[in-house]
Protein backbone atom coordinates (compact mmCIF):
# COMPACT_ATOMS: atom_id res chain seq x y z
CA MET A 1 364.25 223.96 211.38
CA GLU A 2 362.07 221.72 213.53
CA LYS A 3 362.43 218.01 212.89
CA ASP A 4 359.28 216.52 211.36
CA ILE A 5 357.67 214.09 213.78
CA ILE A 6 355.16 211.34 213.24
CA ILE A 7 351.86 212.20 214.91
CA CYS A 8 349.74 209.22 213.87
CA THR A 9 351.73 205.99 214.02
CA CYS A 10 348.80 203.85 212.81
CA GLU A 11 348.55 205.72 209.51
CA GLU A 12 352.14 207.08 209.47
CA VAL A 13 351.01 210.71 209.23
CA TYR A 14 353.63 213.36 209.97
CA LYS A 15 353.10 216.72 211.64
CA SER A 16 354.02 218.54 208.43
CA THR A 17 351.24 216.72 206.56
CA ILE A 18 348.69 217.67 209.20
CA VAL A 19 349.86 221.31 209.31
CA LYS A 20 349.70 221.58 205.51
CA ALA A 21 346.20 220.09 205.40
CA ILE A 22 344.94 222.45 208.12
CA LYS A 23 346.41 225.51 206.38
CA ASP A 24 345.47 224.52 202.81
CA LYS A 25 341.93 223.34 203.55
CA GLY A 26 341.06 225.55 206.53
CA LEU A 27 340.37 222.55 208.75
CA LYS A 28 338.93 223.25 212.20
CA THR A 29 338.29 219.85 213.80
CA VAL A 30 340.12 216.61 214.57
CA GLU A 31 337.50 214.80 212.51
CA ALA A 32 338.18 216.99 209.48
CA VAL A 33 341.92 216.33 209.80
CA GLY A 34 341.15 212.61 209.96
CA GLU A 35 339.01 212.74 206.84
CA GLU A 36 341.72 214.63 204.95
CA THR A 37 344.85 212.79 206.17
CA GLY A 38 343.71 209.59 207.89
CA ALA A 39 345.35 210.73 211.12
CA GLY A 40 343.46 209.80 214.27
CA THR A 41 341.07 207.43 212.53
CA VAL A 42 342.40 204.06 213.72
CA CYS A 43 343.13 203.90 217.44
CA GLY A 44 342.51 207.57 218.27
CA GLN A 45 345.53 207.89 220.54
CA CYS A 46 346.92 210.86 218.57
CA GLN A 47 343.70 212.90 218.58
CA ASP A 48 344.88 215.09 221.49
CA ASP A 49 348.08 215.87 219.56
CA ILE A 50 346.06 216.74 216.46
CA GLN A 51 343.89 219.07 218.56
CA LYS A 52 347.02 220.82 219.88
CA ILE A 53 348.23 221.39 216.31
CA LEU A 54 344.79 222.73 215.32
CA ASP A 55 344.83 225.09 218.30
CA GLU A 56 348.36 226.32 217.47
CA ILE A 57 347.46 227.10 213.85
CA ASN A 58 343.90 228.37 214.20
CA ASN A 59 344.51 230.54 217.27
CA LYS A 60 347.31 232.59 215.72
């Protein structure tokens, strides 16, 4: 099993939290992930990582 990693250090949001939110709520944008989880809403440095996760899940 893949080790859970922190994606957003400002808000301490883990990859598993972001993946669950995307799958459960059908999120399509970085902004929607931010509204749901708080990830990417402080400094914005993790927004590219969030986009990669969105692409992985939504392009399956």
